[in-house]
Amino acid sequence: MNQEQSYRLFGFAAIIYTFFNGWLLPEGLYFTTLLTPFFFINLVRVKGLKYYGWFLLATFIMACLQLPTVEHFKDYAISFILLQTLGIFVINTYLYLQTAPPMEHLFKQLASINLVLVAMALVFLFIPFLKPTVWYLLPISPDVPVVPRLKLFTYEASYYSLVMLPIATYYALKKMLLQSRYNILFVTLSMSLLLSFSLGVIATAIICTALLLTLNGNALRAHMNLGFLMFAAWCLAGGCVVLFFFYRHNPLFGRLENIYVGKDTSARGRLADSFYIAWEVARMKSRYIGIGLGQLKYLGKDFSNYFYGYSHIPTTRIHNSLAETFCYYGWAGIALRMGGITYGAIKTKVWNNYYRSFIFLFVFIYQFTGSYLFNPAEYVLWMLAFTPALFPQFNKTAPL
């Protein structure tokens, strides 16, 4: 396989990952998992097995420490295998980003496909039997009516917004710093995030934008598209004013009120509850090395039933990747996770590029508020942040 064919295959894999990764598959299984043999062969071809070797060694050592206390070995083994497939996919993604041609073309291709799919989804919104295929229709908060949330062919609206965020960020920075005149893709991507109604992703993106502008105010003052920023700020403020005076009992305000008073189970579950449950469940085995992969549904079920007052729940989950890391791997897992993040940030100097800085800030904050340990979208964000050659037009030394 020559390099051009490899790029085409990874371009195809990028389309699958972005729009169809879990489509029609059981929950927790992805097409990127099923493509593991291809990714492993590619690791051999590009001489990248040494990177996977380090990952395998770290997870194997943790397995050796945990297995003596593991009661459900089958579940541990299945989860361990799934973790290896995730590691192989992430390492392939990182190696591809190091040698890939400029990513602008791939992002434009993905944004164009998204434009077509969003247009299709808006049509499906008015066709009852097709609506559930691309819109998430489950309640998002107590006493708030069901709001259709855009998910396209992913399994959930928040996941869709997470995979679209790096593409939307690229086009937003083009508008903000390079004063791009191509508006249709940026507008469509912004609409995608809004229609997903993922407050966690949207709020974190707004916070990261403010941080990026604050931390780099002097360097960006002469280059920022102030007209665009003012227009975006006025649209946001104007939209809130219109909702307040003409549609005060809207789903957005209703959910924000529930979050404020602590009634929103989704927000509470992703924040305080996740850390509390992880802390208490890890204590059942070891807070130093955790309870082990695949054990939460056994050890955590009774505690979650007691904590939430449920008499029966089909599964137990922790909706927060940092808390889930602690639950499964304890303080050792937290140390490995934060150590790897710190090393990657310093080694690749994420602060030297505005795009990578934004992605790093976003995923660093988001891991405290959502995601999960086996989420491929989160690790792709980390790999984008740790790729020095990515989008050199946003380097701090580049002439904007």
Protein backbone atom coordinates (compact mmCIF):
# COMPACT_ATOMS: atom_id res chain seq x y z
CA MET A 1 0.00 0.00 0.00
CA ASN A 2 1.52 3.33 -1.05
CA GLN A 3 1.19 6.51 0.96
CA GLU A 4 -1.56 7.98 -1.23
CA GLN A 5 -3.71 4.87 -0.79
CA SER A 6 -3.09 5.01 2.95
CA TYR A 7 -4.30 8.62 3.06
CA ARG A 8 -7.47 7.65 1.16
CA LEU A 9 -8.19 4.81 3.54
CA PHE A 10 -7.71 7.03 6.56
CA GLY A 11 -9.92 9.65 4.94
CA PHE A 12 -12.63 6.99 4.64
CA ALA A 13 -12.01 5.98 8.27
CA ALA A 14 -12.35 9.65 9.30
CA ILE A 15 -15.78 9.83 7.65
CA ILE A 16 -16.88 6.65 9.41
CA TYR A 17 -15.52 7.90 12.75
CA THR A 18 -17.16 11.32 12.46
CA PHE A 19 -20.64 10.36 11.30
CA PHE A 20 -21.30 6.62 11.59
CA ASN A 21 -19.00 5.20 14.26
CA GLY A 22 -21.65 3.54 16.41
CA TRP A 23 -24.50 3.41 13.87
CA LEU A 24 -26.63 0.24 14.17
CA LEU A 25 -24.06 -1.32 16.53
CA PRO A 26 -24.63 -2.37 20.17
CA GLU A 27 -23.93 0.36 22.71
CA GLY A 28 -20.22 0.66 23.45
CA LEU A 29 -19.12 -0.91 20.16
CA TYR A 30 -17.73 1.21 17.31
CA PHE A 31 -16.67 0.65 13.74
CA THR A 32 -13.24 1.90 14.79
CA THR A 33 -13.21 -1.15 17.10
CA LEU A 34 -14.13 -3.51 14.27
CA LEU A 35 -11.36 -1.99 12.12
CA THR A 36 -8.71 -2.92 14.71
CA PRO A 37 -7.08 -5.58 12.45
CA PHE A 38 -6.55 -2.94 9.74
CA PHE A 39 -5.16 -0.46 12.28
CA PHE A 40 -2.84 -3.09 13.75
CA ILE A 41 -1.49 -4.02 10.31
CA ASN A 42 -0.90 -0.34 9.65
CA LEU A 43 1.03 -0.04 12.93
CA VAL A 44 3.31 -2.80 11.69
CA ARG A 45 3.66 -1.13 8.30
CA VAL A 46 4.63 2.27 9.71
CA LYS A 47 6.82 0.76 12.43
CA GLY A 48 4.61 2.09 15.19
CA LEU A 49 4.39 -1.06 17.30
CA LYS A 50 6.81 0.39 19.83
CA TYR A 51 4.22 3.02 20.82
CA TYR A 52 1.55 0.37 21.30
CA GLY A 53 4.09 -1.71 23.23
CA TRP A 54 4.36 1.00 25.89
CA PHE A 55 0.57 1.23 26.14
CA LEU A 56 0.24 -2.56 26.38
CA LEU A 57 2.94 -2.71 29.04
CA ALA A 58 1.26 -0.05 31.22
CA THR A 59 -2.18 -1.67 31.00
CA PHE A 60 -0.70 -5.16 31.52
CA ILE A 61 1.10 -4.07 34.70
CA MET A 62 -2.15 -2.59 36.02
CA ALA A 63 -3.95 -5.83 35.12
CA CYS A 64 -1.40 -7.87 37.06
CA LEU A 65 -1.95 -5.64 40.10
CA GLN A 66 -5.75 -5.81 39.86
CA LEU A 67 -6.49 -9.38 38.82
CA PRO A 68 -5.93 -10.93 42.28
CA THR A 69 -8.94 -8.95 43.56
CA VAL A 70 -11.13 -9.17 40.42
CA GLU A 71 -14.25 -11.30 40.92
CA HIS A 72 -15.65 -11.18 37.39
CA PHE A 73 -12.74 -12.11 35.16
CA LYS A 74 -14.75 -12.43 31.92
CA ASP A 75 -15.95 -8.82 32.12
CA TYR A 76 -12.44 -7.65 32.95
CA ALA A 77 -10.99 -9.54 29.96
CA ILE A 78 -13.59 -8.14 27.53
CA SER A 79 -13.02 -4.59 28.75
CA PHE A 80 -9.25 -5.07 28.60
CA ILE A 81 -9.49 -6.18 24.95
CA LEU A 82 -11.72 -3.21 24.12
CA LEU A 83 -9.18 -0.92 25.78
CA GLN A 84 -6.45 -2.39 23.57
CA THR A 85 -8.52 -1.75 20.43
CA LEU A 86 -9.02 1.84 21.57
CA GLY A 87 -5.29 2.24 22.16
CA ILE A 88 -4.47 0.87 18.69
CA PHE A 89 -6.96 3.28 17.08
CA VAL A 90 -5.66 6.30 19.01
CA ILE A 91 -2.01 5.52 18.24
CA ASN A 92 -2.86 5.13 14.55
CA THR A 93 -4.64 8.47 14.62
CA TYR A 94 -1.63 10.16 16.17
CA LEU A 95 0.84 8.64 13.71
CA TYR A 96 -1.41 9.58 10.80
CA LEU A 97 -1.60 13.18 11.98
CA GLN A 98 2.20 13.37 12.12
CA THR A 99 2.61 12.46 8.43
CA ALA A 100 -0.73 13.42 6.89
CA PRO A 101 -1.05 16.10 4.21
CA PRO A 102 -2.52 19.41 5.41
CA MET A 103 -5.73 18.69 7.32
CA GLU A 104 -7.62 21.60 5.76
CA HIS A 105 -8.82 19.40 2.89
CA LEU A 106 -10.07 16.63 5.19
CA PHE A 107 -11.84 19.11 7.49
CA LYS A 108 -13.48 20.77 4.48
CA GLN A 109 -14.63 17.38 3.24
CA LEU A 110 -16.10 16.46 6.63
CA ALA A 111 -17.74 19.88 7.01
CA SER A 112 -19.30 19.55 3.55
CA ILE A 113 -20.68 16.11 4.35
CA ASN A 114 -22.06 17.51 7.60
CA LEU A 115 -23.79 20.30 5.65
CA VAL A 116 -25.61 17.74 3.49
CA LEU A 117 -26.53 15.56 6.48
CA VAL A 118 -27.82 18.51 8.52
CA ALA A 119 -30.02 19.57 5.61
CA MET A 120 -31.34 16.00 5.43
CA ALA A 121 -31.91 15.97 9.21
CA LEU A 122 -33.98 19.17 9.01
CA VAL A 123 -36.23 17.44 6.48
CA PHE A 124 -36.44 14.31 8.66
CA LEU A 125 -37.56 16.53 11.54
CA PHE A 126 -40.98 16.75 9.89
CA ILE A 127 -41.24 13.04 9.00
CA PRO A 128 -42.26 11.18 12.20
CA PHE A 129 -40.93 7.71 11.34
CA LEU A 130 -37.56 9.07 10.16
CA LYS A 131 -37.12 11.67 12.89
CA PRO A 132 -35.64 9.29 15.52
CA THR A 133 -32.89 8.13 13.14
CA VAL A 134 -31.05 11.47 13.27
CA TRP A 135 -32.60 13.28 16.26
CA TYR A 136 -32.15 12.40 19.94
CA LEU A 137 -35.62 12.41 21.52
CA LEU A 138 -35.08 11.46 25.16
CA PRO A 139 -35.86 13.92 28.00
CA ILE A 140 -32.89 16.04 29.03
CA SER A 141 -34.08 17.40 32.37
CA PRO A 142 -37.03 17.04 34.80
CA ASP A 143 -40.13 19.07 33.90
CA VAL A 144 -38.54 20.15 30.60
CA PRO A 145 -40.38 19.03 27.45
CA VAL A 146 -38.56 16.73 25.05
CA VAL A 147 -36.43 18.77 22.66
CA PRO A 148 -35.21 17.14 19.44
CA ARG A 149 -31.40 17.20 19.62
CA LEU A 150 -29.33 16.66 16.51
CA LYS A 151 -27.24 13.49 16.60
CA LEU A 152 -27.23 12.40 12.94
CA PHE A 153 -26.07 8.78 12.84
CA THR A 154 -24.09 8.82 16.08
CA TYR A 155 -25.55 7.21 19.19
CA GLU A 156 -26.18 10.42 21.15
CA ALA A 157 -26.32 14.20 20.65
CA SER A 158 -23.46 15.02 23.05
CA TYR A 159 -21.16 12.60 21.24
CA TYR A 160 -22.05 14.16 17.90
CA SER A 161 -21.25 17.64 19.19
CA LEU A 162 -17.94 16.37 20.58
CA VAL A 163 -16.78 14.91 17.25
CA MET A 164 -17.84 18.07 15.39
CA LEU A 165 -16.13 20.45 17.81
CA PRO A 166 -12.58 20.29 16.33
CA ILE A 167 -13.93 21.00 12.85
CA ALA A 168 -16.12 23.84 14.10
CA THR A 169 -13.15 25.24 16.03
CA TYR A 170 -11.02 25.32 12.88
CA TYR A 171 -13.63 27.33 10.95
CA ALA A 172 -14.33 29.59 13.94
CA LEU A 173 -10.64 30.47 14.24
CA LYS A 174 -10.51 31.11 10.50
CA LYS A 175 -13.31 33.62 10.95
CA MET A 176 -11.86 35.06 14.15
CA LEU A 177 -8.18 35.34 13.18
CA LEU A 178 -7.86 34.93 9.42
CA GLN A 179 -11.11 36.73 8.51
CA SER A 180 -12.21 33.93 6.19
CA ARG A 181 -14.92 34.85 3.72
CA TYR A 182 -16.32 31.33 3.43
CA ASN A 183 -19.33 31.45 5.74
CA ILE A 184 -21.61 28.54 4.79
CA LEU A 185 -19.55 25.77 6.41
CA PHE A 186 -18.95 27.82 9.55
CA VAL A 187 -22.66 28.65 9.86
CA THR A 188 -23.64 25.00 9.34
CA LEU A 189 -21.15 23.77 11.93
CA SER A 190 -22.32 26.39 14.44
CA MET A 191 -25.90 25.34 13.77
CA SER A 192 -24.91 21.71 14.33
CA LEU A 193 -23.57 22.47 17.80
CA LEU A 194 -26.63 24.55 18.69
CA LEU A 195 -29.05 21.92 17.40
CA SER A 196 -27.28 19.22 19.40
CA PHE A 197 -28.27 21.24 22.50
CA SER A 198 -25.25 19.85 24.33
CA LEU A 199 -24.82 22.47 27.02
CA GLY A 200 -21.63 20.86 28.32
CA VAL A 201 -19.83 21.12 24.99
CA ILE A 202 -21.20 24.58 24.18
CA ALA A 203 -20.47 26.03 27.63
CA THR A 204 -16.95 24.58 27.66
CA ALA A 205 -16.30 25.99 24.18
CA ILE A 206 -17.42 29.46 25.30
CA ILE A 207 -15.19 29.27 28.39
CA CYS A 208 -12.21 28.17 26.28
CA THR A 209 -12.79 31.00 23.79
CA ALA A 210 -12.74 33.50 26.64
CA LEU A 211 -9.59 31.92 28.07
CA LEU A 212 -7.84 31.88 24.69
CA LEU A 213 -8.59 35.55 24.08
CA THR A 214 -7.64 36.52 27.63
CA LEU A 215 -4.35 34.62 27.67
CA ASN A 216 -3.35 35.90 24.22
CA GLY A 217 -4.99 39.33 24.25
CA ASN A 218 -1.90 41.37 23.44
CA ALA A 219 -0.77 39.10 20.60
CA LEU A 220 -4.23 38.90 19.04
CA ARG A 221 -5.41 42.48 19.48
CA ALA A 222 -4.20 43.56 16.05
CA HIS A 223 -5.43 40.41 14.29
CA MET A 224 -8.85 39.62 15.73
CA ASN A 225 -11.91 40.00 13.56
CA LEU A 226 -13.63 42.37 16.00
CA GLY A 227 -16.67 42.73 13.78
CA PHE A 228 -17.25 38.97 13.87
CA LEU A 229 -16.75 38.80 17.64
CA MET A 230 -19.15 41.68 18.25
CA PHE A 231 -21.73 40.15 15.92
CA ALA A 232 -21.48 36.77 17.68
CA ALA A 233 -21.74 38.41 21.12
CA TRP A 234 -24.76 40.49 20.11
CA CYS A 235 -26.47 37.44 18.58
CA LEU A 236 -25.94 35.48 21.80
CA ALA A 237 -27.14 38.32 24.01
CA GLY A 238 -30.02 39.21 21.69
CA GLY A 239 -31.17 35.60 21.54
CA CYS A 240 -31.27 35.39 25.33
CA VAL A 241 -33.23 38.67 25.57
CA VAL A 242 -35.79 37.49 23.01
CA LEU A 243 -36.22 34.18 24.84
CA PHE A 244 -36.59 35.98 28.18
CA PHE A 245 -39.33 38.35 27.04
CA PHE A 246 -41.20 36.24 24.49
CA TYR A 247 -40.57 32.60 25.44
CA ARG A 248 -39.54 32.60 29.07
CA HIS A 249 -40.57 29.00 29.74
CA ASN A 250 -38.28 27.57 27.07
CA PRO A 251 -36.26 24.34 27.37
CA LEU A 252 -32.93 26.22 27.65
CA PHE A 253 -33.99 28.35 30.61
CA GLY A 254 -35.80 25.39 32.12
CA ARG A 255 -32.68 23.25 32.04
CA LEU A 256 -30.45 26.06 33.32
CA GLU A 257 -32.84 26.57 36.23
CA ASN A 258 -32.78 22.85 36.99
CA ILE A 259 -28.99 22.86 36.92
CA TYR A 260 -28.92 25.85 39.27
CA VAL A 261 -31.26 24.26 41.83
CA GLY A 262 -29.70 20.80 41.45
CA LYS A 263 -32.69 19.09 39.80
CA ASP A 264 -30.93 18.35 36.50
CA THR A 265 -29.87 14.72 36.91
CA SER A 266 -27.74 14.78 33.78
CA ALA A 267 -25.57 17.72 34.86
CA ARG A 268 -25.44 16.55 38.46
CA GLY A 269 -24.56 13.03 37.35
CA ARG A 270 -21.68 14.27 35.18
CA LEU A 271 -20.25 16.49 37.89
CA ALA A 272 -20.52 15.92 41.65
CA ASP A 273 -22.33 12.56 41.59
CA SER A 274 -19.77 10.94 39.29
CA PHE A 275 -16.84 11.78 41.55
CA TYR A 276 -18.73 10.79 44.69
CA ILE A 277 -19.82 7.42 43.27
CA ALA A 278 -16.32 6.75 41.88
CA TRP A 279 -14.77 7.56 45.26
CA GLU A 280 -17.13 5.33 47.23
CA VAL A 281 -17.06 2.41 44.78
CA ALA A 282 -13.25 2.49 44.49
CA ARG A 283 -13.10 2.25 48.29
CA MET A 284 -14.69 -1.21 48.05
CA LYS A 285 -11.45 -2.53 46.54
CA SER A 286 -8.63 0.00 46.50
CA ARG A 287 -8.39 3.72 45.97
CA TYR A 288 -4.79 3.21 44.89
CA ILE A 289 -5.40 0.85 41.95
CA GLY A 290 -9.20 0.97 41.59
CA ILE A 291 -11.72 -1.81 41.17
CA GLY A 292 -10.62 -3.04 37.74
CA LEU A 293 -12.20 -2.81 34.29
CA GLY A 294 -15.71 -4.16 33.85
CA GLN A 295 -16.43 -4.42 37.59
CA LEU A 296 -18.53 -1.29 38.06
CA LYS A 297 -21.82 -2.88 37.04
CA TYR A 298 -21.40 -5.38 39.87
CA LEU A 299 -19.81 -3.31 42.64
CA GLY A 300 -21.53 -0.04 41.80
CA LYS A 301 -25.10 -1.20 41.25
CA ASP A 302 -26.16 -1.56 44.88
CA PHE A 303 -24.48 1.70 45.85
CA SER A 304 -26.10 3.60 42.94
CA ASN A 305 -29.51 2.12 43.83
CA TYR A 306 -29.04 3.36 47.39
CA PHE A 307 -27.61 6.72 46.35
CA TYR A 308 -30.32 7.56 43.79
CA GLY A 309 -33.14 5.71 45.52
CA TYR A 310 -33.80 3.37 42.58
CA SER A 311 -35.14 -0.09 43.13
CA HIS A 312 -33.75 -1.31 39.82
CA ILE A 313 -31.49 0.03 37.10
CA PRO A 314 -30.28 -1.99 34.09
CA THR A 315 -26.69 -0.76 34.18
CA THR A 316 -24.42 1.43 36.26
CA ARG A 317 -22.26 4.07 34.59
CA ILE A 318 -20.10 6.99 35.58
CA HIS A 319 -20.62 9.83 33.11
CA ASN A 320 -17.25 11.47 33.61
CA SER A 321 -13.97 10.21 32.17
CA LEU A 322 -11.77 11.46 35.01
CA ALA A 323 -14.02 9.97 37.69
CA GLU A 324 -14.31 6.73 35.72
CA THR A 325 -10.51 6.56 35.45
CA PHE A 326 -10.29 6.84 39.23
CA CYS A 327 -12.98 4.21 39.74
CA TYR A 328 -11.29 1.64 37.48
CA TYR A 329 -7.63 2.50 38.10
CA GLY A 330 -7.55 4.55 41.31
CA TRP A 331 -4.88 7.12 42.07
CA ALA A 332 -2.45 5.18 39.87
CA GLY A 333 -4.72 5.76 36.87
CA ILE A 334 -5.11 9.45 37.69
CA ALA A 335 -1.33 9.79 37.98
CA LEU A 336 -0.79 8.07 34.60
CA ARG A 337 -3.52 10.14 32.96
CA MET A 338 -2.37 13.51 34.27
CA GLY A 339 1.27 12.62 33.78
CA GLY A 340 0.63 11.75 30.14
CA ILE A 341 -1.35 14.95 29.59
CA THR A 342 1.35 17.09 31.20
CA TYR A 343 4.12 15.37 29.24
CA GLY A 344 2.22 15.75 25.95
CA ALA A 345 1.50 19.42 26.56
CA ILE A 346 5.10 20.28 27.42
CA LYS A 347 6.68 18.03 24.79
CA THR A 348 4.56 19.43 21.94
CA LYS A 349 4.28 22.99 23.33
CA VAL A 350 0.55 23.28 22.81
CA TRP A 351 0.66 26.97 23.75
CA ASN A 352 2.53 27.80 20.52
CA ASN A 353 -0.57 27.27 18.36
CA TYR A 354 -3.96 28.90 18.88
CA TYR A 355 -5.91 25.94 17.50
CA ARG A 356 -4.08 23.35 19.57
CA SER A 357 -4.30 25.59 22.65
CA PHE A 358 -8.07 25.78 22.29
CA ILE A 359 -8.47 22.03 21.80
CA PHE A 360 -6.20 21.32 24.77
CA LEU A 361 -8.09 23.72 27.04
CA PHE A 362 -11.40 22.28 25.90
CA VAL A 363 -10.64 18.60 26.43
CA PHE A 364 -8.79 19.28 29.69
CA ILE A 365 -11.86 21.01 31.13
CA TYR A 366 -14.34 18.62 29.54
CA GLN A 367 -12.80 15.55 31.17
CA PHE A 368 -14.00 16.94 34.52
CA THR A 369 -17.57 17.38 33.28
CA GLY A 370 -18.36 14.51 30.94
CA SER A 371 -17.16 11.86 28.49
CA TYR A 372 -16.14 8.34 29.55
CA LEU A 373 -13.00 6.22 29.69
CA PHE A 374 -13.60 4.41 26.37
CA ASN A 375 -14.72 7.47 24.40
CA PRO A 376 -12.72 7.62 21.13
CA ALA A 377 -13.82 11.23 20.49
CA GLU A 378 -12.04 12.45 23.62
CA TYR A 379 -8.75 10.79 22.69
CA VAL A 380 -8.88 12.13 19.13
CA LEU A 381 -9.10 15.60 20.67
CA TRP A 382 -6.00 14.88 22.77
CA MET A 383 -4.15 13.70 19.65
CA LEU A 384 -5.10 16.85 17.75
CA ALA A 385 -3.83 18.97 20.63
CA PHE A 386 -0.52 17.08 20.71
CA THR A 387 0.27 17.30 16.97
CA PRO A 388 2.83 20.12 16.49
CA ALA A 389 2.50 20.27 12.69
CA LEU A 390 -1.26 20.77 12.78
CA PHE A 391 -2.55 24.00 11.16
CA PRO A 392 0.67 26.05 11.14
CA GLN A 393 -1.35 29.10 10.03
CA PHE A 394 -2.47 29.35 13.66
CA ASN A 395 1.05 29.27 15.10
CA LYS A 396 1.82 32.27 17.27
CA THR A 397 4.84 33.00 15.07
CA ALA A 398 2.81 32.84 11.85
CA PRO A 399 1.83 36.13 10.16
CA LEU A 400 -1.94 36.18 10.73
